[in-house]
N, C-alpha and C. Protein backbone atom coordinates (compact mmCIF):
# COMPACT_ATOMS: atom_id res chain seq x y z
N UNK A 1 110.91 15.06 106.66
CA UNK A 1 109.75 15.32 105.82
C UNK A 1 110.22 15.35 104.36
N UNK A 2 109.46 14.75 103.52
CA UNK A 2 109.77 14.70 102.09
C UNK A 2 109.05 15.82 101.35
N UNK A 3 109.68 16.31 100.32
CA UNK A 3 109.07 17.37 99.52
C UNK A 3 107.76 16.90 98.90
N UNK A 4 107.68 15.62 98.55
CA UNK A 4 106.45 15.06 97.99
C UNK A 4 105.29 15.21 98.98
N UNK A 5 105.59 14.99 100.25
CA UNK A 5 104.55 15.13 101.29
C UNK A 5 104.06 16.58 101.34
N UNK A 6 104.99 17.53 101.25
CA UNK A 6 104.57 18.94 101.25
C UNK A 6 103.74 19.25 100.01
N UNK A 7 104.14 18.75 98.85
CA UNK A 7 103.39 19.02 97.62
C UNK A 7 101.96 18.51 97.71
N UNK A 8 101.77 17.36 98.35
CA UNK A 8 100.42 16.83 98.57
C UNK A 8 99.65 17.73 99.54
N UNK A 9 100.31 18.15 100.60
CA UNK A 9 99.71 19.08 101.57
C UNK A 9 99.31 20.38 100.87
N UNK A 10 100.19 20.91 100.04
CA UNK A 10 99.92 22.16 99.33
C UNK A 10 98.73 22.01 98.39
N UNK A 11 98.69 20.93 97.64
CA UNK A 11 97.58 20.71 96.70
C UNK A 11 96.24 20.65 97.42
N UNK A 12 96.24 20.03 98.60
CA UNK A 12 95.00 19.92 99.38
C UNK A 12 94.64 21.25 100.05
N UNK A 13 95.65 21.97 100.53
CA UNK A 13 95.43 23.17 101.32
C UNK A 13 95.16 24.41 100.48
N UNK A 14 95.73 24.50 99.29
CA UNK A 14 95.61 25.70 98.46
C UNK A 14 94.16 26.14 98.24
N UNK A 15 93.24 25.26 97.82
CA UNK A 15 91.86 25.71 97.63
C UNK A 15 91.20 26.19 98.92
N UNK A 16 91.46 25.48 100.03
CA UNK A 16 90.88 25.87 101.32
C UNK A 16 91.40 27.24 101.76
N UNK A 17 92.71 27.43 101.59
CA UNK A 17 93.32 28.69 102.00
C UNK A 17 92.85 29.84 101.12
N UNK A 18 92.72 29.61 99.83
CA UNK A 18 92.22 30.64 98.92
C UNK A 18 90.81 31.07 99.33
N UNK A 19 89.96 30.12 99.62
CA UNK A 19 88.59 30.42 100.06
C UNK A 19 88.61 31.21 101.36
N UNK A 20 89.44 30.80 102.30
CA UNK A 20 89.56 31.53 103.57
C UNK A 20 89.98 32.97 103.32
N UNK A 21 90.98 33.18 102.50
CA UNK A 21 91.47 34.54 102.22
C UNK A 21 90.38 35.41 101.60
N UNK A 22 89.59 34.84 100.72
CA UNK A 22 88.48 35.59 100.10
C UNK A 22 87.46 36.01 101.16
N UNK A 23 87.20 35.14 102.11
CA UNK A 23 86.27 35.49 103.19
C UNK A 23 86.86 36.56 104.10
N UNK A 24 88.12 36.40 104.47
CA UNK A 24 88.78 37.40 105.33
C UNK A 24 88.87 38.75 104.65
N UNK A 25 89.06 38.74 103.35
CA UNK A 25 89.20 39.98 102.58
C UNK A 25 87.96 40.86 102.73
N UNK A 26 86.80 40.24 102.84
CA UNK A 26 85.55 40.97 102.98
C UNK A 26 85.48 41.74 104.31
N UNK A 27 86.26 41.28 105.29
CA UNK A 27 86.20 41.85 106.64
C UNK A 27 87.26 42.92 106.91
N UNK A 28 88.05 43.27 105.90
CA UNK A 28 89.10 44.27 106.12
C UNK A 28 88.45 45.64 106.29
N UNK A 29 88.55 46.17 107.49
CA UNK A 29 87.97 47.48 107.80
C UNK A 29 88.87 48.61 107.33
N UNK A 30 88.30 49.78 107.17
CA UNK A 30 89.07 50.95 106.72
C UNK A 30 90.22 51.27 107.66
N UNK A 31 90.08 50.93 108.93
CA UNK A 31 91.11 51.26 109.93
C UNK A 31 92.18 50.16 110.05
N UNK A 32 92.02 49.04 109.39
CA UNK A 32 92.97 47.93 109.50
C UNK A 32 94.30 48.30 108.84
N UNK A 33 95.40 47.98 109.50
CA UNK A 33 96.74 48.22 108.96
C UNK A 33 97.62 47.00 109.24
N UNK A 34 98.43 46.63 108.26
CA UNK A 34 99.36 45.52 108.44
C UNK A 34 100.80 46.00 108.40
N UNK A 35 100.99 47.25 108.04
CA UNK A 35 102.33 47.81 107.92
C UNK A 35 102.69 48.61 109.16
N UNK A 36 103.97 48.61 109.47
CA UNK A 36 104.45 49.45 110.58
C UNK A 36 104.83 50.85 110.09
N UNK A 37 104.74 51.07 108.80
CA UNK A 37 105.04 52.37 108.21
C UNK A 37 103.90 53.33 108.56
N UNK A 38 104.17 54.40 109.29
CA UNK A 38 103.09 55.32 109.70
C UNK A 38 102.44 56.05 108.52
N UNK A 39 103.07 56.02 107.36
CA UNK A 39 102.51 56.69 106.18
C UNK A 39 101.76 55.73 105.26
N UNK A 40 101.77 54.45 105.60
CA UNK A 40 101.05 53.46 104.80
C UNK A 40 99.63 53.37 105.33
N UNK A 41 98.67 53.89 104.58
CA UNK A 41 97.28 53.87 105.03
C UNK A 41 96.44 52.85 104.27
N UNK A 42 97.11 51.84 103.70
CA UNK A 42 96.40 50.79 102.97
C UNK A 42 95.66 49.88 103.96
N UNK A 43 94.35 49.76 103.81
CA UNK A 43 93.62 48.80 104.65
C UNK A 43 94.13 47.38 104.36
N UNK A 44 94.59 46.71 105.40
CA UNK A 44 95.18 45.37 105.22
C UNK A 44 95.23 44.65 106.56
N UNK A 45 95.45 43.35 106.49
CA UNK A 45 95.66 42.57 107.70
C UNK A 45 96.79 41.58 107.47
N UNK A 46 97.53 41.34 108.53
CA UNK A 46 98.57 40.32 108.48
C UNK A 46 97.89 38.98 108.67
N UNK A 47 98.36 37.98 107.93
CA UNK A 47 97.85 36.63 108.10
C UNK A 47 99.03 35.68 108.27
N UNK A 48 98.88 34.78 109.21
CA UNK A 48 99.89 33.76 109.48
C UNK A 48 99.24 32.41 109.33
N UNK A 49 99.92 31.49 108.64
CA UNK A 49 99.48 30.10 108.59
C UNK A 49 100.56 29.27 109.26
N UNK A 50 100.18 28.12 109.76
CA UNK A 50 101.14 27.25 110.43
C UNK A 50 100.78 25.79 110.20
N UNK A 51 101.76 24.94 110.45
CA UNK A 51 101.52 23.50 110.39
C UNK A 51 102.41 22.79 111.40
N UNK A 52 102.09 21.54 111.63
CA UNK A 52 102.85 20.73 112.58
C UNK A 52 103.93 19.92 111.84
N UNK A 53 104.63 19.07 112.58
CA UNK A 53 105.76 18.32 112.02
C UNK A 53 105.38 17.37 110.89
N UNK A 54 104.21 16.79 110.94
CA UNK A 54 103.85 15.81 109.91
C UNK A 54 102.81 16.33 108.91
N UNK A 55 102.56 17.63 108.93
CA UNK A 55 101.63 18.27 107.99
C UNK A 55 100.22 17.70 108.08
N UNK A 56 99.84 17.20 109.25
CA UNK A 56 98.51 16.60 109.38
C UNK A 56 97.42 17.63 109.59
N UNK A 57 97.80 18.87 109.88
CA UNK A 57 96.80 19.94 110.00
C UNK A 57 97.48 21.28 109.71
N UNK A 58 96.64 22.28 109.51
CA UNK A 58 97.16 23.65 109.39
C UNK A 58 96.22 24.56 110.14
N UNK A 59 96.73 25.72 110.50
CA UNK A 59 95.95 26.70 111.24
C UNK A 59 96.27 28.08 110.69
N UNK A 60 95.49 29.06 111.12
CA UNK A 60 95.75 30.44 110.71
C UNK A 60 95.39 31.38 111.84
N UNK A 61 95.95 32.55 111.75
CA UNK A 61 95.54 33.65 112.63
C UNK A 61 95.77 34.94 111.88
N UNK A 62 95.03 35.96 112.26
CA UNK A 62 95.18 37.27 111.64
C UNK A 62 95.70 38.26 112.67
N UNK A 63 96.27 39.32 112.18
CA UNK A 63 96.73 40.37 113.06
C UNK A 63 98.12 40.10 113.60
N UNK A 64 98.46 40.80 114.64
CA UNK A 64 99.77 40.70 115.26
C UNK A 64 99.97 39.29 115.81
N UNK A 65 101.06 38.65 115.40
CA UNK A 65 101.28 37.27 115.84
C UNK A 65 102.38 37.17 116.90
N UNK A 66 102.73 38.26 117.53
CA UNK A 66 103.88 38.23 118.42
C UNK A 66 103.57 37.81 119.86
N UNK A 67 102.34 37.58 120.22
CA UNK A 67 102.02 37.25 121.61
C UNK A 67 101.23 35.96 121.77
N UNK A 68 100.24 35.76 120.96
CA UNK A 68 99.42 34.56 121.09
C UNK A 68 98.63 34.34 119.81
N UNK A 69 98.00 33.19 119.73
CA UNK A 69 97.15 32.90 118.59
C UNK A 69 97.12 31.41 118.31
N UNK A 70 96.29 31.03 117.36
CA UNK A 70 96.08 29.61 117.07
C UNK A 70 97.28 28.95 116.41
N UNK A 71 98.23 29.73 115.91
CA UNK A 71 99.42 29.15 115.27
C UNK A 71 100.51 28.78 116.26
N UNK A 72 100.42 29.27 117.47
CA UNK A 72 101.50 29.07 118.44
C UNK A 72 101.87 27.62 118.73
N UNK A 73 100.94 26.68 118.74
CA UNK A 73 101.35 25.30 119.01
C UNK A 73 102.19 24.67 117.88
N UNK A 74 102.15 25.24 116.69
CA UNK A 74 102.85 24.67 115.54
C UNK A 74 104.24 25.27 115.37
N UNK A 75 105.21 24.47 114.94
CA UNK A 75 106.58 24.96 114.80
C UNK A 75 106.88 25.69 113.50
N UNK A 76 106.04 25.55 112.48
CA UNK A 76 106.36 26.11 111.16
C UNK A 76 105.29 27.13 110.74
N UNK A 77 105.77 28.31 110.37
CA UNK A 77 104.86 29.42 110.04
C UNK A 77 105.18 30.02 108.69
N UNK A 78 104.15 30.52 108.03
CA UNK A 78 104.26 31.36 106.84
C UNK A 78 103.46 32.62 107.10
N UNK A 79 104.00 33.77 106.72
CA UNK A 79 103.36 35.05 107.05
C UNK A 79 103.20 35.89 105.78
N UNK A 80 102.06 36.56 105.66
CA UNK A 80 101.80 37.43 104.52
C UNK A 80 100.86 38.56 104.90
N UNK A 81 100.57 39.39 103.91
CA UNK A 81 99.68 40.53 104.10
C UNK A 81 98.52 40.43 103.11
N UNK A 82 97.31 40.56 103.62
CA UNK A 82 96.10 40.53 102.82
C UNK A 82 95.53 41.93 102.72
N UNK A 83 95.32 42.40 101.50
CA UNK A 83 94.66 43.69 101.25
C UNK A 83 93.36 43.43 100.51
N UNK A 84 92.60 44.46 100.34
CA UNK A 84 91.35 44.33 99.57
C UNK A 84 91.61 44.00 98.11
N UNK A 85 92.80 44.36 97.63
CA UNK A 85 93.14 44.15 96.23
C UNK A 85 93.95 42.87 96.00
N UNK A 86 94.27 42.15 97.06
CA UNK A 86 95.09 40.94 96.91
C UNK A 86 94.41 39.92 96.01
N UNK A 87 95.23 39.27 95.19
CA UNK A 87 94.76 38.10 94.46
C UNK A 87 94.89 36.94 95.46
N UNK A 88 93.77 36.42 95.91
CA UNK A 88 93.78 35.46 97.02
C UNK A 88 94.47 34.15 96.65
N UNK A 89 94.36 33.71 95.42
CA UNK A 89 95.06 32.50 95.01
C UNK A 89 96.57 32.71 95.03
N UNK A 90 97.01 33.87 94.53
CA UNK A 90 98.44 34.18 94.56
C UNK A 90 98.95 34.28 95.99
N UNK A 91 98.19 34.94 96.86
CA UNK A 91 98.62 35.08 98.24
C UNK A 91 98.64 33.72 98.94
N UNK A 92 97.68 32.87 98.66
CA UNK A 92 97.68 31.52 99.24
C UNK A 92 98.95 30.78 98.82
N UNK A 93 99.32 30.89 97.56
CA UNK A 93 100.56 30.27 97.09
C UNK A 93 101.77 30.85 97.80
N UNK A 94 101.80 32.18 97.96
CA UNK A 94 102.92 32.83 98.64
C UNK A 94 103.02 32.37 100.10
N UNK A 95 101.89 32.26 100.77
CA UNK A 95 101.90 31.80 102.16
C UNK A 95 102.42 30.36 102.27
N UNK A 96 101.99 29.52 101.35
CA UNK A 96 102.44 28.14 101.38
C UNK A 96 103.92 28.03 101.03
N UNK A 97 104.40 28.86 100.12
CA UNK A 97 105.82 28.88 99.81
C UNK A 97 106.64 29.42 100.97
N UNK A 98 106.11 30.42 101.66
CA UNK A 98 106.75 30.94 102.85
C UNK A 98 106.87 29.84 103.91
N UNK A 99 105.83 29.06 104.04
CA UNK A 99 105.83 27.93 104.96
C UNK A 99 106.87 26.89 104.52
N UNK A 100 106.94 26.60 103.23
CA UNK A 100 107.90 25.61 102.71
C UNK A 100 109.34 26.02 103.02
N UNK A 101 109.60 27.30 103.05
CA UNK A 101 110.97 27.79 103.29
C UNK A 101 111.48 27.41 104.67
N UNK A 102 110.60 27.16 105.62
CA UNK A 102 111.04 26.83 106.98
C UNK A 102 110.87 25.35 107.33
N UNK A 103 110.35 24.57 106.40
CA UNK A 103 110.15 23.15 106.67
C UNK A 103 111.46 22.37 106.49
N UNK A 104 111.69 21.38 107.32
CA UNK A 104 112.91 20.59 107.23
C UNK A 104 112.79 19.44 106.22
N UNK A 105 113.08 19.68 104.97
CA UNK A 105 113.01 18.64 103.95
C UNK A 105 114.27 17.77 104.03
N UNK A 106 114.09 16.48 103.84
CA UNK A 106 115.24 15.58 103.80
C UNK A 106 115.24 14.76 102.54
């Protein structure tokens, strides 16, 4: 995979992902937690994005990703935490950069 291919994927995906995060942000309940710290009472949710080998699609799932979800068929994942105060564009960038860190660039 070429870095140019990822940059094109990122440019296309960033607006879609930002919009998705803004929608998900509205659904964060008072009881939602993304931290394993028992003293962290910040309402938040974990979000995972994934893609396949040729970057032809991406998927997402929220919550605990250790057992199942829509990202499981894909080999490359980026993981982050969404809070009510998150800047969704910044978080979308962070998720995509997290994904880039595990992609096999040649």
